[in-house]
Amino acid sequence: MSDASSFSLRDKVIIQFGGTGLLGRALVAELAATGCTLIVASRNRASLQSLADKEKAAGRIVLIEETDIGSEASLQALRDRVLAQHQRVDGIVFNAVSRPMKSMDDPLDIWRQSMEVNATGFFSTVRTFGDVMAKQKSGSIVNISSIYGMVGSNLSLYEGTPMKTAPDYFFHKGGMLNLTRYLASHYGHAGVRVNVVSPGGIYNPDTPQPAQFIERYNKITMLGRMANAPEVAGAVIFLLSDASTYVTGANIPVDGGHTAK
């Protein structure tokens, strides 16, 4: 298709994993506005219900599913419910993340806890729904990584602030990039595309980052500012849509030029 309709998600069935954080909420709002059937899956039922209520008040419909991505049985049960109700899955957005580590000195058990969601849970999720889409011979998987899967930590940004980085986040976001490439190869023969979006720093209007961090961060981007969360959604929508049918195994940084320097 060569017209603008190829960018539409109308009538597509999309599942988003992780929708109650800053970026997750923005993705939910932007995806729901496209007219797709949007299902948001998370462990916290109360947070999901609050999200759905806010979207309804804004005139958007969001379906919610309580799901534990750390449990393969829970993911398979979600798969079966979605297929029974909607008969297909056209795309998933993996935005779930656990960040239990606070520093290099944390106990090793905290590292293991992080991997349950960010490594094992991630793989289990994309395999469960990638296999569904492979049977359909179509579909798109969009994984939300970070520029911290592409570069090391710039510790000077955080000096004099309470903000810190932790090693598990860099490990699983970097691993997500290369596993995405593997999955793109694995599922490509079945017409299933697998891609990554890597956001840079996102400004939080509810609890703004320290002023000195924002000032420093702005200086290292080409656009001179942090992202607003909804700005990440355009790349996600593109990768879910039929406008990107020949894009797979790709990483799209949405970082204001941070990693292009």
Protein backbone atom coordinates (compact mmCIF):
# COMPACT_ATOMS: atom_id res chain seq x y z
CA MET A 1 0.00 0.00 0.00
CA SER A 2 1.30 3.45 -0.88
CA ASP A 3 -1.25 5.78 0.68
CA ALA A 4 -1.57 7.00 4.26
CA SER A 5 -3.89 4.14 5.20
CA SER A 6 -0.86 1.88 5.51
CA PHE A 7 -0.01 3.72 8.73
CA SER A 8 -3.38 2.86 10.28
CA LEU A 9 -3.79 0.35 13.11
CA ARG A 10 -7.57 0.27 12.84
CA ASP A 11 -9.01 -3.21 13.38
CA LYS A 12 -5.64 -4.62 14.47
CA VAL A 13 -5.45 -6.53 17.78
CA ILE A 14 -2.49 -5.22 19.79
CA ILE A 15 -1.30 -6.35 23.22
CA GLN A 16 0.88 -4.00 25.25
CA PHE A 17 2.84 -5.45 28.16
CA GLY A 18 3.56 -2.80 30.76
CA GLY A 19 1.28 0.20 30.58
CA THR A 20 1.11 1.90 33.95
CA GLY A 21 4.45 3.76 34.07
CA LEU A 22 5.27 7.12 32.50
CA LEU A 23 6.11 5.77 29.04
CA GLY A 24 3.59 2.95 29.25
CA ARG A 25 0.68 5.33 29.89
CA ALA A 26 1.71 7.52 26.97
CA LEU A 27 1.95 4.53 24.63
CA VAL A 28 -1.47 3.33 25.76
CA ALA A 29 -3.08 6.70 25.04
CA GLU A 30 -1.47 7.03 21.61
CA LEU A 31 -2.18 3.44 20.57
CA ALA A 32 -5.77 3.58 21.81
CA ALA A 33 -6.32 6.69 19.69
CA THR A 34 -5.42 4.77 16.50
CA GLY A 35 -8.59 2.70 16.60
CA CYS A 36 -6.89 -0.63 17.23
CA THR A 37 -8.20 -3.14 19.73
CA LEU A 38 -5.72 -2.48 22.52
CA ILE A 39 -5.22 -4.96 25.34
CA VAL A 40 -2.94 -3.88 28.19
CA ALA A 41 -1.44 -6.66 30.29
CA SER A 42 0.19 -6.21 33.70
CA ARG A 43 0.35 -7.84 37.13
CA ASN A 44 -1.35 -5.01 39.02
CA ARG A 45 -5.11 -5.22 38.54
CA ALA A 46 -5.83 -2.00 40.44
CA SER A 47 -3.37 0.01 38.34
CA LEU A 48 -4.79 -1.49 35.17
CA GLN A 49 -8.33 -0.56 36.16
CA SER A 50 -7.27 2.99 36.97
CA LEU A 51 -5.59 3.22 33.56
CA ALA A 52 -8.68 1.91 31.76
CA ASP A 53 -10.93 4.34 33.65
CA LYS A 54 -8.75 7.32 32.69
CA GLU A 55 -8.69 6.27 29.06
CA LYS A 56 -12.47 5.82 29.05
CA ALA A 57 -12.90 9.31 30.47
CA ALA A 58 -10.78 10.58 27.58
CA GLY A 59 -12.99 8.77 25.08
CA ARG A 60 -10.63 5.90 24.38
CA ILE A 61 -11.30 2.20 24.93
CA VAL A 62 -8.64 0.00 26.51
CA LEU A 63 -9.09 -3.65 27.45
CA ILE A 64 -7.13 -4.89 30.45
CA GLU A 65 -5.74 -8.29 31.39
CA GLU A 66 -4.07 -9.19 34.68
CA THR A 67 -1.01 -11.23 33.68
CA ASP A 68 2.26 -12.30 35.26
CA ILE A 69 4.96 -12.38 32.59
CA GLY A 70 7.17 -14.26 35.02
CA SER A 71 4.80 -17.21 34.65
CA GLU A 72 4.65 -19.07 31.35
CA ALA A 73 1.28 -20.54 32.40
CA SER A 74 -0.11 -17.03 32.95
CA LEU A 75 1.09 -15.92 29.52
CA GLN A 76 -0.38 -18.99 27.85
CA ALA A 77 -3.69 -18.39 29.61
CA LEU A 78 -3.67 -14.79 28.31
CA ARG A 79 -2.93 -16.07 24.81
CA ASP A 80 -5.87 -18.45 24.97
CA ARG A 81 -8.26 -15.75 26.27
CA VAL A 82 -7.23 -13.28 23.57
CA LEU A 83 -7.57 -15.83 20.79
CA ALA A 84 -10.95 -17.00 22.08
CA GLN A 85 -12.26 -13.42 22.11
CA HIS A 86 -10.48 -11.85 19.14
CA GLN A 87 -9.31 -14.84 17.04
CA ARG A 88 -5.91 -13.27 16.29
CA VAL A 89 -3.01 -11.18 17.53
CA ASP A 90 -1.60 -8.64 15.08
CA GLY A 91 1.09 -7.16 17.29
CA ILE A 92 2.60 -6.88 20.73
CA VAL A 93 4.52 -4.10 22.45
CA PHE A 94 6.87 -5.33 25.16
CA ASN A 95 7.29 -2.40 27.56
CA ALA A 96 7.38 -4.34 30.84
CA VAL A 97 10.39 -3.74 33.05
CA SER A 98 11.53 -4.51 36.58
CA ARG A 99 14.25 -2.35 38.15
CA PRO A 100 15.00 -3.83 41.59
CA MET A 101 18.75 -3.15 41.50
CA LYS A 102 19.95 0.18 42.84
CA SER A 103 23.73 -0.19 42.66
CA MET A 104 26.65 -2.50 41.87
CA ASP A 105 26.73 -3.48 45.55
CA ASP A 106 23.27 -5.03 45.71
CA PRO A 107 23.01 -8.72 46.72
CA LEU A 108 23.25 -11.16 43.82
CA ASP A 109 19.70 -12.35 44.54
CA ILE A 110 18.45 -8.91 43.42
CA TRP A 111 20.21 -9.43 40.09
CA ARG A 112 18.51 -12.82 39.73
CA GLN A 113 15.14 -11.26 40.57
CA SER A 114 15.65 -8.67 37.84
CA MET A 115 16.37 -11.33 35.25
CA GLU A 116 13.09 -13.14 35.99
CA VAL A 117 11.15 -10.35 34.29
CA ASN A 118 13.69 -8.63 32.10
CA ALA A 119 15.29 -11.71 30.54
CA THR A 120 13.20 -14.84 31.15
CA GLY A 121 9.85 -13.00 31.18
CA PHE A 122 10.75 -11.09 28.04
CA PHE A 123 11.75 -14.22 26.13
CA SER A 124 8.70 -16.15 27.34
CA THR A 125 6.38 -13.35 26.26
CA VAL A 126 7.73 -12.89 22.76
CA ARG A 127 7.92 -16.64 22.18
CA THR A 128 4.34 -17.22 23.35
CA PHE A 129 2.88 -14.56 21.08
CA GLY A 130 5.47 -14.80 18.33
CA ASP A 131 4.43 -18.42 17.82
CA VAL A 132 0.79 -17.31 17.52
CA MET A 133 1.67 -14.77 14.85
CA ALA A 134 3.90 -17.28 13.04
CA LYS A 135 0.89 -19.58 12.67
CA GLN A 136 -1.06 -16.63 11.25
CA LYS A 137 1.85 -15.84 8.88
CA SER A 138 1.80 -12.19 9.93
CA GLY A 139 2.39 -9.90 12.87
CA SER A 140 4.72 -7.37 14.44
CA ILE A 141 6.62 -7.45 17.74
CA VAL A 142 7.94 -4.13 19.05
CA ASN A 143 10.29 -4.24 22.02
CA ILE A 144 10.98 -1.13 24.09
CA SER A 145 14.66 -0.94 24.95
CA SER A 146 16.69 2.17 25.81
CA ILE A 147 19.72 4.07 24.62
CA TYR A 148 21.31 2.43 27.67
CA GLY A 149 21.19 -0.78 25.68
CA MET A 150 23.44 0.98 23.15
CA VAL A 151 25.89 3.03 25.23
CA GLY A 152 27.51 2.97 28.64
CA SER A 153 26.45 5.10 31.58
CA ASN A 154 27.48 8.77 31.54
CA LEU A 155 28.00 9.13 35.28
CA SER A 156 28.71 12.86 35.04
CA LEU A 157 25.03 13.42 34.30
CA TYR A 158 24.11 12.21 37.77
CA GLU A 159 26.75 13.91 39.91
CA GLY A 160 25.23 15.81 42.81
CA THR A 161 21.76 14.27 42.31
CA PRO A 162 20.01 11.34 44.01
CA MET A 163 19.70 9.66 40.61
CA LYS A 164 21.77 6.53 39.91
CA THR A 165 22.13 3.83 37.29
CA ALA A 166 22.30 0.10 37.95
CA PRO A 167 24.02 -2.68 35.96
CA ASP A 168 21.02 -4.96 35.43
CA TYR A 169 19.21 -2.33 33.34
CA PHE A 170 22.15 -2.03 30.94
CA PHE A 171 22.45 -5.80 30.71
CA HIS A 172 18.86 -6.56 29.84
CA LYS A 173 18.36 -3.58 27.51
CA GLY A 174 21.51 -4.50 25.59
CA GLY A 175 20.46 -8.14 25.51
CA MET A 176 17.03 -7.13 24.23
CA LEU A 177 18.64 -5.55 21.15
CA ASN A 178 20.47 -8.68 20.06
CA LEU A 179 17.70 -11.10 21.02
CA THR A 180 15.41 -8.99 18.85
CA ARG A 181 17.76 -9.58 15.91
CA TYR A 182 17.74 -13.31 16.60
CA LEU A 183 13.94 -13.36 16.84
CA ALA A 184 13.62 -11.37 13.62
CA SER A 185 15.66 -14.08 11.89
CA HIS A 186 13.72 -16.88 13.58
CA TYR A 187 10.26 -15.56 12.70
CA GLY A 188 11.02 -13.86 9.41
CA HIS A 189 10.14 -16.88 7.27
CA ALA A 190 6.64 -16.77 8.78
CA GLY A 191 6.09 -13.09 7.95
CA VAL A 192 6.48 -11.93 11.55
CA ARG A 193 8.59 -8.80 12.08
CA VAL A 194 10.53 -8.06 15.28
CA ASN A 195 11.99 -4.62 15.98
CA VAL A 196 13.20 -2.40 18.82
CA VAL A 197 12.53 1.20 19.80
CA SER A 198 15.22 2.70 22.05
CA PRO A 199 14.08 5.89 23.81
CA GLY A 200 16.48 8.40 25.30
CA GLY A 201 15.81 10.37 28.47
CA ILE A 202 12.14 11.16 29.02
CA TYR A 203 11.04 14.21 30.98
CA ASN A 204 8.65 13.39 33.82
CA PRO A 205 6.17 16.25 34.34
CA ASP A 206 4.71 14.65 37.46
CA THR A 207 8.01 14.27 39.34
CA PRO A 208 10.59 16.23 37.32
CA GLN A 209 14.19 15.12 37.35
CA PRO A 210 16.65 17.37 39.23
CA ALA A 211 17.32 20.64 37.42
CA GLN A 212 21.06 20.01 37.10
CA PHE A 213 20.43 16.62 35.49
CA ILE A 214 17.97 18.13 32.98
CA GLU A 215 20.40 20.92 32.10
CA ARG A 216 23.26 18.49 31.54
CA TYR A 217 21.14 16.04 29.58
CA ASN A 218 19.75 18.74 27.31
CA LYS A 219 23.28 19.72 26.30
CA ILE A 220 24.17 16.24 25.02
CA THR A 221 21.21 15.90 22.65
CA MET A 222 21.08 17.43 19.18
CA LEU A 223 17.60 18.81 19.83
CA GLY A 224 18.64 20.34 23.14
CA ARG A 225 15.96 18.75 25.30
CA MET A 226 14.60 15.56 26.82
CA ALA A 227 11.79 13.66 25.14
CA ASN A 228 8.15 13.93 26.08
CA ALA A 229 6.73 10.43 26.56
CA PRO A 230 4.15 10.61 23.71
CA GLU A 231 6.97 11.32 21.24
CA VAL A 232 8.11 7.71 21.50
CA ALA A 233 4.77 6.41 20.25
CA GLY A 234 5.22 7.43 16.60
CA ALA A 235 8.01 4.93 16.04
CA VAL A 236 6.01 2.20 17.79
CA ILE A 237 2.91 2.86 15.71
CA PHE A 238 5.00 2.85 12.52
CA LEU A 239 6.52 -0.54 13.36
CA LEU A 240 3.12 -2.03 14.20
CA SER A 241 1.57 -0.72 11.00
CA ASP A 242 1.61 -1.97 7.41
CA ALA A 243 3.82 1.01 6.52
CA SER A 244 6.78 -0.97 7.88
CA THR A 245 6.19 -4.36 6.26
CA TYR A 246 9.82 -4.58 5.08
CA VAL A 247 11.37 -3.47 8.37
CA THR A 248 12.60 -6.17 10.72
CA GLY A 249 15.59 -6.68 13.00
CA ALA A 250 15.92 -2.90 13.30
CA ASN A 251 16.60 -0.62 16.25
CA ILE A 252 15.10 2.87 16.10
CA PRO A 253 16.62 5.28 18.65
CA VAL A 254 14.15 7.96 19.69
CA ASP A 255 16.69 10.07 21.54
CA GLY A 256 16.92 13.54 20.02
CA GLY A 257 20.22 12.62 18.43
CA HIS A 258 21.92 11.55 21.66
CA THR A 259 23.50 8.37 20.26
CA ALA A 260 24.22 9.91 16.84
CA LYS A 261 26.96 12.16 18.23
